[in-house]
Amino acid sequence: MRREWNLKGLAAGAAAVLAVAVLALQFVFSGRALERQGIERIEHWLRYEPHRVSVGKTIDVLSGQWSGRPVSEEDHPAPEIPFEIVSVDRHGWNGDFVVRVKLRYPQGAPPGKPAVRYFRIRYSPVTNTWKVVAETSVLSYYLALLP
């Protein structure tokens, strides 16, 4: 059973205005959420990055301990690097975004840590939460402009 909508005149105009309003509200509210919750998620990702890297090292250490290899200082988690998020810009559509994060390191940028980083994040309107999916590239940031 297929139902056709036949909107004319004022009803068609009201439907178009409603559709545009819903899209605009979705865009505005997801941007506001990024300002608070999304940035907190990115900060969390960056703050615990040394610990994520150290998990792989820990597995190697545990397997190496059984073979008699001595544990070195390099096998322990790296110290936390203080940083400040200067700005966050986003590109993307429909809850799937790529963000550009500009960082400032008070003690100077550590080697291998650029001052501008890019992350793929997703917004769920159902749970009103953001999730950092992965770190990505500048190319992904500009490709996210395309629908």
N, C-alpha and C. Protein backbone atom coordinates (compact mmCIF):
# COMPACT_ATOMS: atom_id res chain seq x y z
N MET A 1 0.85 -1.17 0.00
CA MET A 1 0.00 0.00 0.00
C MET A 1 0.89 1.24 0.00
N ARG A 2 0.78 2.02 -1.01
CA ARG A 2 1.60 3.22 -1.15
C ARG A 2 0.71 4.44 -1.01
N ARG A 3 1.18 5.36 -0.20
CA ARG A 3 0.42 6.57 0.03
C ARG A 3 1.18 7.75 -0.57
N GLU A 4 0.49 8.56 -1.33
CA GLU A 4 1.11 9.72 -1.94
C GLU A 4 0.67 10.97 -1.20
N TRP A 5 1.63 11.87 -1.03
CA TRP A 5 1.34 13.15 -0.40
C TRP A 5 1.15 14.19 -1.49
N ASN A 6 0.07 14.89 -1.43
CA ASN A 6 -0.22 15.91 -2.42
C ASN A 6 -0.32 17.25 -1.68
N LEU A 7 0.83 17.91 -1.55
CA LEU A 7 0.86 19.19 -0.84
C LEU A 7 0.87 20.33 -1.86
N LYS A 8 -0.02 21.27 -1.64
CA LYS A 8 -0.10 22.42 -2.54
C LYS A 8 -0.24 23.68 -1.72
N GLY A 9 0.26 24.75 -2.31
CA GLY A 9 0.07 26.07 -1.71
C GLY A 9 0.73 26.22 -0.35
N LEU A 10 -0.07 26.62 0.61
CA LEU A 10 0.42 26.91 1.94
C LEU A 10 0.97 25.66 2.65
N ALA A 11 0.36 24.52 2.44
CA ALA A 11 0.83 23.27 3.06
C ALA A 11 2.21 22.88 2.54
N ALA A 12 2.46 23.08 1.25
CA ALA A 12 3.77 22.76 0.67
C ALA A 12 4.83 23.70 1.24
N GLY A 13 4.49 24.97 1.37
CA GLY A 13 5.43 25.93 1.95
C GLY A 13 5.74 25.61 3.40
N ALA A 14 4.72 25.24 4.17
CA ALA A 14 4.92 24.89 5.57
C ALA A 14 5.79 23.64 5.71
N ALA A 15 5.60 22.66 4.84
CA ALA A 15 6.40 21.43 4.88
C ALA A 15 7.86 21.74 4.54
N ALA A 16 8.09 22.61 3.57
CA ALA A 16 9.46 22.98 3.20
C ALA A 16 10.14 23.74 4.35
N VAL A 17 9.42 24.66 4.97
CA VAL A 17 9.98 25.42 6.11
C VAL A 17 10.29 24.47 7.26
N LEU A 18 9.41 23.52 7.52
CA LEU A 18 9.64 22.55 8.60
C LEU A 18 10.87 21.70 8.33
N ALA A 19 11.04 21.24 7.09
CA ALA A 19 12.20 20.42 6.73
C ALA A 19 13.50 21.21 6.91
N VAL A 20 13.52 22.45 6.46
CA VAL A 20 14.71 23.29 6.61
C VAL A 20 14.99 23.56 8.09
N ALA A 21 13.95 23.80 8.87
CA ALA A 21 14.12 24.06 10.31
C ALA A 21 14.71 22.85 11.03
N VAL A 22 14.24 21.66 10.69
CA VAL A 22 14.77 20.45 11.32
C VAL A 22 16.25 20.27 10.98
N LEU A 23 16.62 20.46 9.72
CA LEU A 23 18.03 20.34 9.32
C LEU A 23 18.89 21.39 10.00
N ALA A 24 18.40 22.62 10.08
CA ALA A 24 19.16 23.69 10.72
C ALA A 24 19.34 23.41 12.21
N LEU A 25 18.30 22.96 12.89
CA LEU A 25 18.41 22.65 14.31
C LEU A 25 19.39 21.51 14.56
N GLN A 26 19.35 20.50 13.70
CA GLN A 26 20.29 19.38 13.85
C GLN A 26 21.72 19.88 13.72
N PHE A 27 21.97 20.75 12.76
CA PHE A 27 23.32 21.29 12.54
C PHE A 27 23.74 22.16 13.73
N VAL A 28 22.85 23.04 14.20
CA VAL A 28 23.19 23.94 15.29
C VAL A 28 23.43 23.17 16.58
N PHE A 29 22.57 22.23 16.92
CA PHE A 29 22.72 21.51 18.17
C PHE A 29 23.93 20.58 18.15
N SER A 30 24.25 19.98 17.01
CA SER A 30 25.44 19.13 16.97
C SER A 30 26.69 19.98 17.12
N GLY A 31 26.68 21.22 16.62
CA GLY A 31 27.82 22.12 16.80
C GLY A 31 27.98 22.53 18.24
N ARG A 32 26.88 22.81 18.92
CA ARG A 32 26.96 23.17 20.34
C ARG A 32 27.47 22.01 21.17
N ALA A 33 27.02 20.82 20.84
CA ALA A 33 27.48 19.65 21.58
C ALA A 33 28.98 19.45 21.36
N LEU A 34 29.46 19.76 20.15
CA LEU A 34 30.89 19.62 19.88
C LEU A 34 31.68 20.56 20.77
N GLU A 35 31.16 21.75 21.02
CA GLU A 35 31.87 22.70 21.85
C GLU A 35 32.12 22.14 23.25
N ARG A 36 31.20 21.39 23.79
CA ARG A 36 31.37 20.87 25.15
C ARG A 36 31.83 19.41 25.15
N GLN A 37 30.93 18.54 24.76
CA GLN A 37 31.18 17.11 24.88
C GLN A 37 32.23 16.62 23.89
N GLY A 38 32.19 17.11 22.67
CA GLY A 38 33.14 16.67 21.66
C GLY A 38 34.56 17.04 22.01
N ILE A 39 34.76 18.25 22.50
CA ILE A 39 36.10 18.68 22.89
C ILE A 39 36.59 17.88 24.09
N GLU A 40 35.69 17.57 25.01
CA GLU A 40 36.08 16.72 26.16
C GLU A 40 36.54 15.35 25.69
N ARG A 41 35.85 14.79 24.71
CA ARG A 41 36.24 13.48 24.17
C ARG A 41 37.62 13.56 23.52
N ILE A 42 37.88 14.63 22.76
CA ILE A 42 39.17 14.80 22.10
C ILE A 42 40.27 14.98 23.15
N GLU A 43 40.01 15.78 24.19
CA GLU A 43 40.98 15.95 25.27
C GLU A 43 41.30 14.61 25.92
N HIS A 44 40.27 13.82 26.16
CA HIS A 44 40.47 12.50 26.76
C HIS A 44 41.35 11.63 25.87
N TRP A 45 41.07 11.65 24.57
CA TRP A 45 41.86 10.87 23.60
C TRP A 45 43.34 11.28 23.67
N LEU A 46 43.59 12.59 23.66
CA LEU A 46 44.96 13.09 23.67
C LEU A 46 45.66 12.82 25.00
N ARG A 47 44.92 12.98 26.10
CA ARG A 47 45.51 12.81 27.42
C ARG A 47 45.96 11.36 27.66
N TYR A 48 45.18 10.41 27.14
CA TYR A 48 45.50 9.00 27.39
C TYR A 48 46.24 8.34 26.23
N GLU A 49 46.67 9.12 25.26
CA GLU A 49 47.41 8.59 24.13
C GLU A 49 48.68 7.86 24.55
N PRO A 50 49.50 8.41 25.46
CA PRO A 50 50.71 7.66 25.87
C PRO A 50 50.37 6.31 26.49
N HIS A 51 49.24 6.22 27.17
CA HIS A 51 48.86 4.96 27.81
C HIS A 51 48.39 3.93 26.78
N ARG A 52 47.72 4.40 25.70
CA ARG A 52 47.31 3.47 24.64
C ARG A 52 48.53 2.87 23.96
N VAL A 53 49.54 3.69 23.72
CA VAL A 53 50.76 3.20 23.09
C VAL A 53 51.46 2.23 24.02
N SER A 54 51.42 2.51 25.32
CA SER A 54 52.14 1.67 26.27
C SER A 54 51.48 0.30 26.46
N VAL A 55 50.19 0.16 26.11
CA VAL A 55 49.54 -1.15 26.23
C VAL A 55 50.23 -2.15 25.31
N GLY A 56 50.51 -1.74 24.08
CA GLY A 56 51.23 -2.63 23.16
C GLY A 56 52.61 -2.96 23.67
N LYS A 57 53.28 -1.97 24.25
CA LYS A 57 54.61 -2.22 24.82
C LYS A 57 54.51 -3.17 26.01
N THR A 58 53.46 -3.01 26.82
CA THR A 58 53.29 -3.88 27.98
C THR A 58 53.12 -5.33 27.56
N ILE A 59 52.36 -5.55 26.50
CA ILE A 59 52.17 -6.92 26.01
C ILE A 59 53.51 -7.49 25.56
N ASP A 60 54.30 -6.66 24.87
CA ASP A 60 55.63 -7.12 24.46
C ASP A 60 56.51 -7.42 25.66
N VAL A 61 56.42 -6.58 26.68
CA VAL A 61 57.23 -6.78 27.88
C VAL A 61 56.84 -8.08 28.57
N LEU A 62 55.52 -8.29 28.70
CA LEU A 62 55.07 -9.51 29.38
C LEU A 62 55.51 -10.75 28.62
N SER A 63 55.42 -10.71 27.30
CA SER A 63 55.88 -11.86 26.54
C SER A 63 57.40 -11.97 26.60
N GLY A 64 58.08 -10.82 26.67
CA GLY A 64 59.54 -10.82 26.74
C GLY A 64 60.05 -11.27 28.10
N GLN A 65 59.30 -11.00 29.16
CA GLN A 65 59.73 -11.40 30.50
C GLN A 65 59.83 -12.92 30.59
N TRP A 66 58.92 -13.59 29.94
CA TRP A 66 58.94 -15.04 30.00
C TRP A 66 60.13 -15.62 29.24
N SER A 67 60.63 -14.86 28.27
CA SER A 67 61.79 -15.36 27.53
C SER A 67 63.11 -14.93 28.16
N GLY A 68 63.03 -14.19 29.26
CA GLY A 68 64.26 -13.81 29.96
C GLY A 68 64.81 -12.46 29.55
N ARG A 69 64.12 -11.73 28.65
CA ARG A 69 64.61 -10.42 28.25
C ARG A 69 64.40 -9.44 29.41
N PRO A 70 65.41 -8.65 29.77
CA PRO A 70 65.23 -7.70 30.87
C PRO A 70 64.31 -6.56 30.48
N VAL A 71 63.61 -6.01 31.46
CA VAL A 71 62.69 -4.90 31.25
C VAL A 71 63.50 -3.61 31.28
N SER A 72 63.32 -2.77 30.26
CA SER A 72 64.07 -1.52 30.20
C SER A 72 63.15 -0.35 30.55
N GLU A 73 63.73 0.84 30.67
CA GLU A 73 62.97 2.05 30.97
C GLU A 73 62.00 2.38 29.84
N GLU A 74 62.33 2.02 28.60
CA GLU A 74 61.48 2.30 27.45
C GLU A 74 60.17 1.52 27.50
N ASP A 75 60.13 0.46 28.29
CA ASP A 75 58.95 -0.39 28.34
C ASP A 75 57.83 0.17 29.23
N HIS A 76 58.10 1.23 29.95
CA HIS A 76 57.11 1.82 30.84
C HIS A 76 56.35 2.93 30.12
N PRO A 77 55.12 3.24 30.55
CA PRO A 77 54.34 4.28 29.88
C PRO A 77 55.07 5.62 29.85
N ALA A 78 54.89 6.33 28.75
CA ALA A 78 55.49 7.66 28.63
C ALA A 78 54.78 8.62 29.56
N PRO A 79 55.47 9.62 30.06
CA PRO A 79 54.80 10.60 30.94
C PRO A 79 53.79 11.42 30.15
N GLU A 80 52.79 11.91 30.85
CA GLU A 80 51.76 12.71 30.22
C GLU A 80 52.35 14.04 29.77
N ILE A 81 52.00 14.47 28.57
CA ILE A 81 52.51 15.72 28.01
C ILE A 81 51.43 16.78 28.17
N PRO A 82 51.72 17.88 28.90
CA PRO A 82 50.70 18.92 29.06
C PRO A 82 50.43 19.63 27.73
N PHE A 83 49.15 19.91 27.47
CA PHE A 83 48.75 20.58 26.24
C PHE A 83 47.52 21.42 26.51
N GLU A 84 47.23 22.30 25.58
CA GLU A 84 46.03 23.13 25.63
C GLU A 84 45.43 23.15 24.23
N ILE A 85 44.12 22.94 24.15
CA ILE A 85 43.44 23.01 22.85
C ILE A 85 43.16 24.48 22.56
N VAL A 86 43.72 24.97 21.46
CA VAL A 86 43.57 26.37 21.07
C VAL A 86 42.29 26.57 20.26
N SER A 87 42.05 25.71 19.28
CA SER A 87 40.83 25.82 18.47
C SER A 87 40.45 24.47 17.89
N VAL A 88 39.17 24.36 17.58
CA VAL A 88 38.62 23.14 16.97
C VAL A 88 37.70 23.57 15.84
N ASP A 89 37.96 23.06 14.64
CA ASP A 89 37.11 23.30 13.48
C ASP A 89 36.62 21.95 12.97
N ARG A 90 35.43 21.94 12.37
CA ARG A 90 34.90 20.66 11.90
C ARG A 90 34.38 20.77 10.49
N HIS A 91 34.46 19.65 9.79
CA HIS A 91 33.83 19.47 8.49
C HIS A 91 33.10 18.14 8.55
N GLY A 92 31.98 18.06 7.89
CA GLY A 92 31.27 16.79 7.83
C GLY A 92 29.77 16.97 7.80
N TRP A 93 29.08 15.83 7.72
CA TRP A 93 27.64 15.81 7.57
C TRP A 93 27.04 14.69 8.40
N ASN A 94 25.81 14.90 8.82
CA ASN A 94 24.98 13.84 9.37
C ASN A 94 25.64 13.08 10.51
N GLY A 95 26.28 13.77 11.42
CA GLY A 95 26.84 13.13 12.60
C GLY A 95 28.21 12.51 12.42
N ASP A 96 28.75 12.54 11.21
CA ASP A 96 30.09 11.99 10.96
C ASP A 96 30.99 13.15 10.55
N PHE A 97 31.93 13.51 11.42
CA PHE A 97 32.73 14.71 11.22
C PHE A 97 34.22 14.39 11.28
N VAL A 98 34.99 15.27 10.65
CA VAL A 98 36.44 15.28 10.80
C VAL A 98 36.77 16.64 11.40
N VAL A 99 37.50 16.64 12.50
CA VAL A 99 37.82 17.89 13.18
C VAL A 99 39.31 18.18 13.10
N ARG A 100 39.63 19.46 13.00
CA ARG A 100 41.02 19.91 13.04
C ARG A 100 41.22 20.55 14.41
N VAL A 101 42.19 20.03 15.15
CA VAL A 101 42.46 20.50 16.50
C VAL A 101 43.83 21.16 16.52
N LYS A 102 43.85 22.44 16.89
CA LYS A 102 45.13 23.14 17.04
C LYS A 102 45.51 23.10 18.51
N LEU A 103 46.74 22.62 18.76
CA LEU A 103 47.22 22.44 20.13
C LEU A 103 48.36 23.40 20.44
N ARG A 104 48.49 23.70 21.72
CA ARG A 104 49.63 24.47 22.20
C ARG A 104 50.23 23.69 23.36
N TYR A 105 51.51 23.47 23.27
CA TYR A 105 52.23 22.76 24.32
C TYR A 105 53.01 23.78 25.15
N PRO A 106 52.68 23.97 26.44
CA PRO A 106 53.35 24.97 27.25
C PRO A 106 54.86 24.73 27.38
N GLN A 107 55.29 23.50 27.37
CA GLN A 107 56.71 23.19 27.53
C GLN A 107 57.38 22.91 26.18
N GLY A 108 56.73 23.31 25.10
CA GLY A 108 57.27 23.06 23.76
C GLY A 108 56.72 21.76 23.21
N ALA A 109 56.57 21.74 21.90
CA ALA A 109 56.01 20.55 21.24
C ALA A 109 56.99 19.39 21.33
N PRO A 110 56.54 18.23 21.79
CA PRO A 110 57.41 17.07 21.83
C PRO A 110 57.69 16.56 20.42
N PRO A 111 58.79 15.86 20.23
CA PRO A 111 59.09 15.34 18.89
C PRO A 111 58.01 14.36 18.43
N GLY A 112 57.62 14.50 17.19
CA GLY A 112 56.62 13.59 16.63
C GLY A 112 55.19 13.97 16.96
N LYS A 113 54.98 15.07 17.64
CA LYS A 113 53.63 15.51 17.99
C LYS A 113 53.37 16.85 17.32
N PRO A 114 52.64 16.87 16.21
CA PRO A 114 52.39 18.13 15.52
C PRO A 114 51.43 19.03 16.31
N ALA A 115 51.48 20.32 16.02
CA ALA A 115 50.61 21.28 16.70
C ALA A 115 49.18 21.26 16.15
N VAL A 116 48.99 20.68 14.97
CA VAL A 116 47.65 20.54 14.39
C VAL A 116 47.41 19.06 14.12
N ARG A 117 46.30 18.55 14.68
CA ARG A 117 45.97 17.13 14.49
C ARG A 117 44.53 17.02 14.02
N TYR A 118 44.24 15.90 13.36
CA TYR A 118 42.92 15.68 12.77
C TYR A 118 42.33 14.40 13.31
N PHE A 119 41.02 14.45 13.65
CA PHE A 119 40.33 13.29 14.22
C PHE A 119 38.99 13.09 13.54
N ARG A 120 38.62 11.82 13.34
CA ARG A 120 37.29 11.48 12.86
C ARG A 120 36.44 11.22 14.10
N ILE A 121 35.33 11.94 14.20
CA ILE A 121 34.43 11.76 15.34
C ILE A 121 33.01 11.55 14.85
N ARG A 122 32.21 10.92 15.68
CA ARG A 122 30.80 10.66 15.33
C ARG A 122 29.90 11.17 16.45
N TYR A 123 28.79 11.72 16.03
CA TYR A 123 27.79 12.22 16.97
C TYR A 123 26.55 11.35 16.89
N SER A 124 26.05 10.93 18.04
CA SER A 124 24.82 10.15 18.09
C SER A 124 23.71 11.01 18.70
N PRO A 125 22.72 11.41 17.89
CA PRO A 125 21.63 12.22 18.44
C PRO A 125 20.75 11.43 19.41
N VAL A 126 20.78 10.12 19.31
CA VAL A 126 19.96 9.30 20.21
C VAL A 126 20.48 9.39 21.64
N THR A 127 21.80 9.24 21.80
CA THR A 127 22.39 9.30 23.14
C THR A 127 23.01 10.66 23.45
N ASN A 128 23.01 11.57 22.46
CA ASN A 128 23.58 12.91 22.60
C ASN A 128 25.04 12.83 23.06
N THR A 129 25.81 11.94 22.42
CA THR A 129 27.21 11.77 22.78
C THR A 129 28.09 11.80 21.55
N TRP A 130 29.36 12.11 21.78
CA TRP A 130 30.38 12.10 20.74
C TRP A 130 31.34 10.97 21.00
N LYS A 131 31.91 10.42 19.92
CA LYS A 131 32.89 9.35 20.04
C LYS A 131 34.04 9.66 19.07
N VAL A 132 35.26 9.67 19.59
CA VAL A 132 36.43 9.82 18.73
C VAL A 132 36.71 8.45 18.13
N VAL A 133 36.65 8.36 16.81
CA VAL A 133 36.82 7.09 16.13
C VAL A 133 38.30 6.80 15.89
N ALA A 134 39.01 7.78 15.32
CA ALA A 134 40.43 7.57 15.00
C ALA A 134 41.08 8.90 14.66
N GLU A 135 42.39 8.90 14.70
CA GLU A 135 43.12 10.05 14.19
C GLU A 135 43.21 9.88 12.68
N THR A 136 43.12 10.99 11.96
CA THR A 136 43.10 10.92 10.50
C THR A 136 44.02 11.99 9.91
N SER A 137 43.83 12.31 8.64
CA SER A 137 44.76 13.20 7.94
C SER A 137 44.08 14.49 7.49
N VAL A 138 44.90 15.43 7.04
CA VAL A 138 44.39 16.69 6.52
C VAL A 138 43.54 16.44 5.27
N LEU A 139 43.87 15.45 4.48
CA LEU A 139 43.08 15.12 3.29
C LEU A 139 41.66 14.72 3.69
N SER A 140 41.50 13.91 4.71
CA SER A 140 40.17 13.52 5.19
C SER A 140 39.38 14.73 5.66
N TYR A 141 40.07 15.69 6.27
CA TYR A 141 39.42 16.90 6.76
C TYR A 141 38.77 17.66 5.61
N TYR A 142 39.48 17.82 4.51
CA TYR A 142 38.91 18.57 3.38
C TYR A 142 37.94 17.72 2.56
N LEU A 143 38.12 16.43 2.50
CA LEU A 143 37.16 15.56 1.80
C LEU A 143 35.82 15.50 2.53
N ALA A 144 35.83 15.75 3.84
CA ALA A 144 34.60 15.71 4.62
C ALA A 144 33.65 16.85 4.24
N LEU A 145 34.13 17.83 3.49
CA LEU A 145 33.26 18.89 3.00
C LEU A 145 32.27 18.39 1.96
N LEU A 146 32.64 17.32 1.27
CA LEU A 146 31.78 16.77 0.23
C LEU A 146 30.65 15.96 0.85
N PRO A 147 29.45 16.07 0.31
CA PRO A 147 28.33 15.30 0.89
C PRO A 147 28.42 13.82 0.55
